């Protein structure tokens, strides 16, 4: 993967907690949508890969390197290391989004404190536990924020805004050379 930024960058928050920002490989990112029978059709298609369609729009399903996010009642987003095919079901429409998103990983003891400065969410572990995700905004740009570990978050940014959003993020902590 050719990195789009001068990452990784390590630094601290204003309260002295360590944070590292890196660019992670998106690999395959597929949005699948449907209509009246979306729930059944998507569940059947995902089951072929031993995956599960989440029941709500807050908790992700994870298996190995695959993540399934339910981003709307009739829509899911699948991030995987290899292609997942949805073309054989006329009840579903799939759209490959890998080139339209960049994944920035924020980790370290200061990850929650740092991200709390740029998103309007309560990121405490009680309200935003490991495995949770939210569609939110950073600097008025829609992003998907996924908590993969206690001190690790993945932020899916639109590629067209990735440089400006990454610069915006870097403005919010003290870079350690």
Protein backbone atom coordinates (compact mmCIF):
# COMPACT_ATOMS: atom_id res chain seq x y z
CA UNK A 1 0.00 0.00 0.00
CA UNK A 2 1.28 3.45 -0.85
CA UNK A 3 0.72 5.64 2.17
CA UNK A 4 -1.10 8.86 1.44
CA UNK A 5 0.35 10.69 4.46
CA UNK A 6 3.51 11.06 6.46
CA UNK A 7 2.25 8.56 9.01
CA UNK A 8 2.73 7.08 11.54
CA UNK A 9 2.92 10.09 13.80
CA UNK A 10 3.28 9.82 17.55
CA UNK A 11 2.51 12.50 20.06
CA UNK A 12 0.66 13.38 23.22
CA UNK A 13 -2.61 15.00 24.10
CA UNK A 14 -2.64 18.24 26.09
CA UNK A 15 -2.97 16.11 29.23
CA UNK A 16 0.23 14.21 28.38
CA UNK A 17 -1.26 10.90 27.17
CA UNK A 18 0.44 9.11 24.27
CA UNK A 19 -1.32 8.81 20.89
CA UNK A 20 -0.17 7.30 17.61
CA UNK A 21 -1.91 7.90 14.29
CA UNK A 22 -1.21 5.47 11.45
CA UNK A 23 -2.74 4.68 8.09
CA UNK A 24 -4.16 1.13 7.92
CA UNK A 25 -4.90 -0.88 4.80
CA UNK A 26 -8.58 -0.78 3.85
CA UNK A 27 -8.25 -3.90 1.65
CA UNK A 28 -11.80 -4.58 0.43
CA UNK A 29 -14.69 -2.38 1.50
CA UNK A 30 -18.08 -3.33 0.10
CA UNK A 31 -21.42 -1.68 0.75
CA UNK A 32 -24.38 -3.98 0.31
CA UNK A 33 -27.93 -2.66 0.17
CA UNK A 34 -31.33 -4.15 -0.38
CA UNK A 35 -35.04 -3.61 -0.25
CA UNK A 36 -37.95 -5.46 1.36
CA UNK A 37 -36.06 -8.70 1.95
CA UNK A 38 -32.68 -7.17 2.82
CA UNK A 39 -32.40 -8.81 6.23
CA UNK A 40 -32.87 -12.34 4.88
CA UNK A 41 -30.90 -11.86 1.64
CA UNK A 42 -27.91 -10.21 3.34
CA UNK A 43 -27.91 -12.77 6.15
CA UNK A 44 -27.91 -15.63 3.62
CA UNK A 45 -25.12 -14.04 1.56
CA UNK A 46 -22.94 -13.37 4.62
CA UNK A 47 -23.58 -16.83 6.06
CA UNK A 48 -21.77 -18.36 3.05
CA UNK A 49 -18.63 -16.71 4.47
CA UNK A 50 -19.53 -17.65 8.07
CA UNK A 51 -20.38 -14.02 8.78
CA UNK A 52 -23.40 -12.49 10.50
CA UNK A 53 -25.43 -9.38 9.74
CA UNK A 54 -25.54 -7.28 12.94
CA UNK A 55 -29.02 -6.63 14.30
CA UNK A 56 -28.38 -2.97 15.12
CA UNK A 57 -26.44 0.03 13.88
CA UNK A 58 -24.10 0.26 16.90
CA UNK A 59 -22.32 -3.08 17.25
CA UNK A 60 -20.09 -4.56 14.55
CA UNK A 61 -19.68 -8.26 13.78
CA UNK A 62 -16.02 -9.34 13.69
CA UNK A 63 -14.43 -12.54 12.54
CA UNK A 64 -10.70 -12.76 11.87
CA UNK A 65 -9.91 -9.76 9.62
CA UNK A 66 -13.53 -9.18 8.55
CA UNK A 67 -15.80 -6.53 10.02
CA UNK A 68 -19.50 -6.15 9.18
CA UNK A 69 -21.16 -2.87 10.14
CA UNK A 70 -24.94 -2.41 9.85
CA UNK A 71 -24.96 1.22 8.70
CA UNK A 72 -28.73 1.49 8.05
CA UNK A 73 -31.76 -0.81 8.34
CA UNK A 74 -31.29 -1.83 4.69
CA UNK A 75 -27.52 -1.39 4.31
CA UNK A 76 -24.28 -2.93 5.57
CA UNK A 77 -20.60 -2.20 5.07
CA UNK A 78 -18.11 -5.09 4.94
CA UNK A 79 -14.36 -4.63 5.36
CA UNK A 80 -12.41 -7.76 4.47
CA UNK A 81 -9.01 -9.05 3.38
CA UNK A 82 -10.47 -10.71 0.29
CA UNK A 83 -13.49 -9.96 -1.91
CA UNK A 84 -16.92 -10.97 -0.67
CA UNK A 85 -19.38 -11.52 -3.51
CA UNK A 86 -22.99 -10.42 -3.38
CA UNK A 87 -23.71 -10.46 -7.14
CA UNK A 88 -25.68 -13.70 -7.23
CA UNK A 89 -28.65 -12.32 -5.30
CA UNK A 90 -31.15 -10.10 -7.10
CA UNK A 91 -32.39 -8.78 -3.73
CA UNK A 92 -29.01 -7.12 -3.06
CA UNK A 93 -26.93 -4.42 -4.68
CA UNK A 94 -23.21 -4.29 -3.90
CA UNK A 95 -20.86 -1.36 -4.36
CA UNK A 96 -17.08 -1.60 -4.01
CA UNK A 97 -15.88 1.37 -1.91
CA UNK A 98 -12.24 0.47 -1.24
CA UNK A 99 -10.84 3.37 -3.24
CA UNK A 100 -13.28 5.85 -1.73
CA UNK A 101 -12.16 5.44 1.89
CA UNK A 102 -8.93 5.75 3.85
CA UNK A 103 -8.53 4.08 7.23
CA UNK A 104 -6.69 6.03 9.88
CA UNK A 105 -5.94 4.16 13.09
CA UNK A 106 -5.70 6.10 16.36
CA UNK A 107 -4.25 4.21 19.29
CA UNK A 108 -2.59 4.64 22.65
CA UNK A 109 -3.63 5.60 26.17
CA UNK A 110 -4.68 9.04 24.91
CA UNK A 111 -6.85 7.81 22.02
CA UNK A 112 -10.16 8.44 23.82
CA UNK A 113 -9.08 11.86 25.10
CA UNK A 114 -7.76 12.82 21.67
CA UNK A 115 -10.81 11.70 19.67
CA UNK A 116 -13.17 13.28 22.22
CA UNK A 117 -11.79 16.63 21.10
CA UNK A 118 -12.83 16.11 17.47
CA UNK A 119 -16.08 14.06 17.59
CA UNK A 120 -19.32 14.79 19.41
CA UNK A 121 -19.62 11.38 21.07
CA UNK A 122 -19.19 10.02 24.56
CA UNK A 123 -16.27 7.63 23.97
CA UNK A 124 -16.15 6.30 27.52
CA UNK A 125 -15.98 2.54 27.61
CA UNK A 126 -19.41 2.42 29.25
CA UNK A 127 -21.08 4.27 26.35
CA UNK A 128 -18.79 3.23 23.46
CA UNK A 129 -17.43 -0.20 24.28
CA UNK A 130 -15.01 -2.32 22.25
CA UNK A 131 -16.86 -3.52 19.13
CA UNK A 132 -19.02 -0.39 18.94
CA UNK A 133 -19.04 1.94 15.98
CA UNK A 134 -20.77 5.15 15.00
CA UNK A 135 -21.26 7.21 11.91
CA UNK A 136 -20.30 10.67 13.02
CA UNK A 137 -18.43 13.71 11.74
CA UNK A 138 -14.99 15.20 12.14
CA UNK A 139 -14.77 18.85 11.12
CA UNK A 140 -18.17 18.55 9.37
CA UNK A 141 -17.09 15.53 7.28
CA UNK A 142 -18.92 12.19 7.72
CA UNK A 143 -16.72 9.36 9.02
CA UNK A 144 -17.21 5.91 10.48
CA UNK A 145 -15.56 5.53 13.90
CA UNK A 146 -14.97 1.96 15.07
CA UNK A 147 -13.58 0.97 18.47
CA UNK A 148 -11.50 -2.15 17.86
CA UNK A 149 -9.75 -2.25 21.26
CA UNK A 150 -9.91 -0.28 24.51
CA UNK A 151 -7.27 2.18 23.29
CA UNK A 152 -7.61 1.69 19.52
CA UNK A 153 -10.01 3.22 17.01
CA UNK A 154 -10.30 2.95 13.24
CA UNK A 155 -11.60 5.99 11.42
CA UNK A 156 -12.85 5.51 7.86
CA UNK A 157 -12.49 8.83 6.06
CA UNK A 158 -13.67 9.75 2.57
CA UNK A 159 -10.58 9.71 0.34
CA UNK A 160 -11.42 13.14 -1.07
CA UNK A 161 -11.16 14.71 2.40
CA UNK A 162 -8.50 12.45 3.87
CA UNK A 163 -5.57 14.88 3.56
CA UNK A 164 -7.43 17.81 5.12
CA UNK A 165 -8.97 15.65 7.86
CA UNK A 166 -5.64 14.04 8.71
CA UNK A 167 -4.04 17.49 8.90
CA UNK A 168 -6.93 18.59 11.13
CA UNK A 169 -6.35 15.61 13.43
CA UNK A 170 -2.62 16.30 13.62
CA UNK A 171 -3.36 19.86 14.77
CA UNK A 172 -5.00 18.46 17.90
CA UNK A 173 -2.02 16.89 19.59
CA UNK A 174 1.62 17.52 20.33
CA UNK A 175 3.83 15.66 17.84
CA UNK A 176 6.80 13.82 19.35
CA UNK A 177 9.77 13.83 16.95
